[in-house]
Amino acid sequence: MWSGLLQKVFKVREKVAMNLGGKGDEEKPFLDHLEDLRKMIVRIAMTLLVSTLVTFCFYDKLFEIIKYPLWATGVIKTPEELKAMLQILTPQEGFLMVMNLSLIAAVILAFPLLLFFLLQFILPGLKPAEKKAIFPAIGIGAGLFLLGACFAFYVVLPKALEFFYTFNESLGMSNGWRLDGYVKFATRFILLFGVAFELPVIVMVLVKLDFLNYKLMSTTRSYAIVAIAIFAAVVTPTPDPFTMLVLAGPLYVLYET
């Protein structure tokens, strides 16, 4: 199964190399492609390991930051209320929460490098001038990722938390959330919007590879709208229409740009 999947991926990679005018990668044997994949995975893993060790040193500050969306809802008034609401229910939960938070912070911190390693693998056979053009694209991609993450952190996440808090209250129940569950919910939101805002970079790469052009995008706009709506409905951590619309709206704007 995995061998067949990798062969399909490598065939796409060979087509990419030919579209870019490469002369070597289209004739690469399976094991050479596999070695390139291994190098990319090792580089990404080592980058995340080092970045996680760095962010772990500041876990107390990261924890204060991740609590901001709860304060922004306005439903939590005092530190005592927040302490009573976020509960640790198992001995290891606090430590695992810190590790998860450090890893997510590491992904955000190292995102430009991760994107560079990924593009190196996806776009083989680049000429020197084209390799230089990667760096502005990485800068744009990192900026869009940060924009999406900030949009989720400051705008969407507080509204989503407020919605669920008030909904739970309407059921006549008090809100007592697991700390680990809250952090996973919040970080998933942030990462999701960051990745979703990469749509222009994905379109740029597809255009560069001759898989996409303006005429095709114009004629398939209605399908793109449906696809964006389905994507927003599937990947959002919450089922409420507000969150789906907030994700789908910027995605459509980014698609048109």
Protein backbone atom coordinates (compact mmCIF):
# COMPACT_ATOMS: atom_id res chain seq x y z
CA MET A 1 0.00 0.00 0.00
CA TRP A 2 2.67 2.49 1.07
CA SER A 3 4.88 1.51 -1.88
CA GLY A 4 2.07 2.20 -4.34
CA LEU A 5 1.27 5.54 -2.70
CA LEU A 6 4.92 6.62 -2.78
CA GLN A 7 5.23 5.62 -6.43
CA LYS A 8 2.28 7.88 -7.29
CA VAL A 9 3.84 10.76 -5.32
CA PHE A 10 7.18 10.28 -7.05
CA LYS A 11 5.51 10.19 -10.49
CA VAL A 12 3.94 13.57 -9.74
CA ARG A 13 7.38 14.78 -8.64
CA GLU A 14 8.87 13.62 -11.96
CA LYS A 15 6.15 15.50 -13.85
CA VAL A 16 6.92 18.59 -11.77
CA ALA A 17 10.60 18.30 -12.67
CA MET A 18 9.75 18.06 -16.38
CA ASN A 19 7.41 21.07 -16.16
CA LEU A 20 10.24 23.04 -14.57
CA GLY A 21 12.65 22.02 -17.30
CA GLY A 22 14.68 19.70 -15.08
CA LYS A 23 16.89 17.10 -16.70
CA GLY A 24 17.67 14.76 -13.86
CA ASP A 25 14.77 14.11 -11.57
CA GLU A 26 12.49 12.76 -14.28
CA GLU A 27 14.85 9.77 -14.68
CA LYS A 28 15.49 9.21 -11.00
CA PRO A 29 14.93 5.67 -9.75
CA PHE A 30 12.52 4.95 -6.93
CA LEU A 31 15.25 4.68 -4.27
CA ASP A 32 16.67 8.11 -5.16
CA HIS A 33 13.26 9.69 -4.72
CA LEU A 34 12.94 7.80 -1.44
CA GLU A 35 16.28 9.19 -0.28
CA ASP A 36 15.12 12.74 -1.08
CA LEU A 37 11.97 12.10 0.94
CA ARG A 38 14.02 10.73 3.85
CA LYS A 39 16.26 13.83 3.84
CA MET A 40 13.24 16.13 3.90
CA ILE A 41 11.64 14.23 6.80
CA VAL A 42 14.90 14.22 8.79
CA ARG A 43 15.41 17.97 8.25
CA ILE A 44 11.84 18.75 9.30
CA ALA A 45 12.08 16.47 12.35
CA MET A 46 15.39 17.97 13.49
CA THR A 47 14.09 21.51 12.97
CA LEU A 48 10.99 20.76 15.04
CA LEU A 49 13.06 19.07 17.76
CA VAL A 50 15.38 22.05 18.18
CA SER A 51 12.50 24.54 17.96
CA THR A 52 10.47 22.61 20.54
CA LEU A 53 13.40 22.58 22.96
CA VAL A 54 13.67 26.36 22.54
CA THR A 55 9.95 27.04 23.02
CA PHE A 56 9.78 24.65 25.98
CA CYS A 57 12.15 26.99 27.85
CA PHE A 58 9.41 29.63 27.69
CA TYR A 59 6.43 27.40 28.46
CA ASP A 60 5.22 29.63 31.29
CA LYS A 61 4.99 32.64 28.94
CA LEU A 62 3.34 30.49 26.26
CA PHE A 63 0.74 29.35 28.78
CA GLU A 64 -0.08 32.96 29.64
CA ILE A 65 -0.44 33.73 25.93
CA ILE A 66 -2.76 30.80 25.20
CA LYS A 67 -5.08 31.93 28.00
CA TYR A 68 -5.65 35.30 26.28
CA PRO A 69 -8.63 34.17 24.12
CA LEU A 70 -10.48 33.16 27.29
CA TRP A 71 -9.91 36.59 28.81
CA ALA A 72 -10.98 38.18 25.52
CA THR A 73 -14.40 36.52 25.70
CA GLY A 74 -15.26 38.68 28.72
CA VAL A 75 -16.98 35.78 30.49
CA ILE A 76 -13.97 35.23 32.78
CA LYS A 77 -13.52 38.15 35.16
CA THR A 78 -10.87 37.10 37.69
CA PRO A 79 -7.83 34.77 37.86
CA GLU A 80 -9.72 32.72 40.44
CA GLU A 81 -12.57 32.09 37.97
CA LEU A 82 -10.09 31.02 35.31
CA LYS A 83 -8.28 28.72 37.75
CA ALA A 84 -11.56 27.10 38.78
CA MET A 85 -12.66 26.64 35.18
CA LEU A 86 -9.52 25.04 33.67
CA GLN A 87 -8.99 21.75 35.46
CA ILE A 88 -6.14 19.22 35.48
CA LEU A 89 -7.67 15.76 35.98
CA THR A 90 -4.65 13.45 35.64
CA PRO A 91 -1.10 13.61 37.09
CA GLN A 92 0.62 13.92 33.71
CA GLU A 93 -1.90 16.25 32.06
CA GLY A 94 -0.08 19.49 32.87
CA PHE A 95 3.22 18.22 31.46
CA LEU A 96 1.62 16.80 28.31
CA MET A 97 -0.22 20.08 27.80
CA VAL A 98 3.06 22.00 28.02
CA MET A 99 4.70 19.64 25.50
CA ASN A 100 1.79 20.06 23.08
CA LEU A 101 1.87 23.83 23.47
CA SER A 102 5.64 23.92 22.95
CA LEU A 103 5.36 21.82 19.78
CA ILE A 104 2.68 24.06 18.27
CA ALA A 105 4.75 27.14 19.12
CA ALA A 106 7.74 25.42 17.48
CA VAL A 107 5.75 24.85 14.26
CA ILE A 108 4.85 28.55 14.14
CA LEU A 109 8.41 29.62 14.95
CA ALA A 110 10.04 27.32 12.38
CA PHE A 111 7.35 27.59 9.69
CA PRO A 112 9.56 29.39 7.12
CA LEU A 113 12.18 26.62 7.35
CA LEU A 114 9.55 23.88 7.21
CA LEU A 115 8.04 25.48 4.11
CA PHE A 116 11.50 25.73 2.53
CA PHE A 117 12.23 22.02 3.07
CA LEU A 118 8.81 21.09 1.70
CA LEU A 119 9.24 23.22 -1.43
CA GLN A 120 12.72 21.78 -1.96
CA PHE A 121 11.17 18.33 -2.20
CA ILE A 122 8.06 19.30 -4.18
CA LEU A 123 9.92 21.47 -6.70
CA PRO A 124 12.96 19.46 -7.83
CA GLY A 125 15.24 20.55 -10.66
CA LEU A 126 14.97 24.29 -10.06
CA LYS A 127 17.42 26.52 -11.87
CA PRO A 128 19.61 28.90 -9.78
CA ALA A 129 17.42 31.90 -10.64
CA GLU A 130 14.29 29.95 -9.72
CA LYS A 131 15.83 28.86 -6.41
CA LYS A 132 16.36 32.53 -5.53
CA ALA A 133 12.70 33.18 -6.29
CA ILE A 134 11.72 30.62 -3.63
CA PHE A 135 12.77 32.91 -0.80
CA PRO A 136 10.23 35.69 -1.55
CA ALA A 137 7.57 32.97 -1.85
CA ILE A 138 8.60 31.59 1.54
CA GLY A 139 8.40 35.09 3.00
CA ILE A 140 4.89 35.52 1.59
CA GLY A 141 3.89 32.08 2.84
CA ALA A 142 5.24 32.72 6.34
CA GLY A 143 3.49 36.09 6.45
CA LEU A 144 0.16 34.59 5.38
CA PHE A 145 0.53 31.78 7.93
CA LEU A 146 1.17 34.31 10.68
CA LEU A 147 -1.76 36.44 9.48
CA GLY A 148 -4.10 33.45 9.61
CA ALA A 149 -2.85 32.39 13.04
CA CYS A 150 -3.30 35.92 14.43
CA PHE A 151 -6.76 36.21 12.87
CA ALA A 152 -7.79 33.00 14.62
CA PHE A 153 -6.15 33.97 17.92
CA TYR A 154 -7.54 37.50 18.24
CA VAL A 155 -10.87 37.27 16.38
CA VAL A 156 -12.27 33.80 15.76
CA LEU A 157 -11.17 31.85 18.83
CA PRO A 158 -12.59 34.27 21.45
CA LYS A 159 -15.94 34.31 19.62
CA ALA A 160 -16.02 30.51 19.37
CA LEU A 161 -15.16 30.11 23.06
CA GLU A 162 -17.82 32.64 24.03
CA PHE A 163 -20.40 30.77 21.94
CA PHE A 164 -19.69 27.43 23.62
CA TYR A 165 -19.45 28.96 27.08
CA THR A 166 -22.86 30.66 26.81
CA PHE A 167 -24.40 27.60 25.14
CA ASN A 168 -23.26 25.39 28.04
CA GLU A 169 -24.66 27.95 30.48
CA SER A 170 -28.01 27.86 28.64
CA LEU A 171 -28.18 24.14 29.43
CA GLY A 172 -28.06 25.00 33.10
CA MET A 173 -24.57 23.56 33.50
CA SER A 174 -21.41 25.18 34.85
CA ASN A 175 -18.33 25.33 32.63
CA GLY A 176 -15.43 23.21 33.87
CA TRP A 177 -13.05 22.51 31.00
CA ARG A 178 -10.06 20.19 30.96
CA LEU A 179 -6.89 22.21 30.59
CA ASP A 180 -5.44 19.82 28.02
CA GLY A 181 -8.68 19.86 26.03
CA TYR A 182 -8.79 23.66 25.97
CA VAL A 183 -5.16 23.98 24.81
CA LYS A 184 -5.66 21.38 22.06
CA PHE A 185 -8.84 23.15 20.93
CA ALA A 186 -7.15 26.56 20.84
CA THR A 187 -3.94 25.42 19.13
CA ARG A 188 -5.90 23.45 16.52
CA PHE A 189 -7.83 26.60 15.68
CA ILE A 190 -4.64 28.63 15.32
CA LEU A 191 -2.86 26.06 13.14
CA LEU A 192 -5.93 25.48 10.99
CA PHE A 193 -6.33 29.14 10.08
CA GLY A 194 -2.59 29.53 9.55
CA VAL A 195 -2.50 26.64 7.08
CA ALA A 196 -5.75 27.74 5.40
CA PHE A 197 -4.26 31.16 4.66
CA GLU A 198 -1.56 29.42 2.59
CA LEU A 199 -4.03 29.14 -0.30
CA PRO A 200 -2.35 31.88 -2.43
CA VAL A 201 1.03 30.13 -2.10
CA ILE A 202 -0.53 26.82 -3.17
CA VAL A 203 -2.12 28.54 -6.18
CA MET A 204 1.22 30.19 -7.07
CA VAL A 205 2.98 26.82 -7.01
CA LEU A 206 0.27 25.17 -9.15
CA VAL A 207 0.48 28.01 -11.68
CA LYS A 208 4.27 27.70 -11.76
CA LEU A 209 3.92 23.97 -12.46
CA ASP A 210 1.38 24.61 -15.27
CA PHE A 211 -1.29 22.68 -13.36
CA LEU A 212 -3.42 25.82 -13.04
CA ASN A 213 -4.00 29.08 -14.90
CA TYR A 214 -6.25 32.14 -14.69
CA LYS A 215 -8.66 30.87 -17.36
CA LEU A 216 -9.17 27.57 -15.56
CA MET A 217 -9.68 29.36 -12.22
CA SER A 218 -12.30 31.64 -13.81
CA THR A 219 -14.28 28.83 -15.42
CA THR A 220 -14.24 26.71 -12.25
CA ARG A 221 -15.03 29.51 -9.77
CA SER A 222 -18.40 28.01 -8.80
CA TYR A 223 -16.74 24.67 -8.04
CA ALA A 224 -14.07 26.46 -6.01
CA ILE A 225 -16.75 28.16 -3.88
CA VAL A 226 -18.39 24.81 -3.14
CA ALA A 227 -15.00 23.22 -2.39
CA ILE A 228 -14.09 26.06 0.00
CA ALA A 229 -17.44 25.73 1.79
CA ILE A 230 -17.01 21.96 2.16
CA PHE A 231 -13.41 22.38 3.33
CA ALA A 232 -14.44 24.95 5.95
CA ALA A 233 -17.27 22.71 7.17
CA VAL A 234 -15.03 19.64 7.46
CA VAL A 235 -11.86 21.05 9.02
CA THR A 236 -13.22 23.57 11.53
CA PRO A 237 -13.02 22.19 15.08
CA THR A 238 -16.52 23.53 15.81
CA PRO A 239 -19.81 22.87 13.96
CA ASP A 240 -21.23 26.38 14.36
CA PRO A 241 -21.96 28.34 11.14
CA PHE A 242 -20.11 31.43 12.41
CA THR A 243 -16.73 29.69 12.52
CA MET A 244 -17.25 28.04 9.13
CA LEU A 245 -18.19 31.36 7.51
CA VAL A 246 -15.26 33.14 9.16
CA LEU A 247 -12.89 30.57 7.65
CA ALA A 248 -14.61 30.30 4.25
CA GLY A 249 -14.81 34.09 3.74
CA PRO A 250 -11.06 34.83 3.89
CA LEU A 251 -10.33 31.67 1.88
CA TYR A 252 -12.54 32.89 -0.96
CA VAL A 253 -10.92 36.34 -0.86
CA LEU A 254 -7.47 34.71 -0.95
CA TYR A 255 -8.59 32.52 -3.87
CA GLU A 256 -9.68 35.56 -5.86
CA THR A 257 -6.40 37.38 -5.17
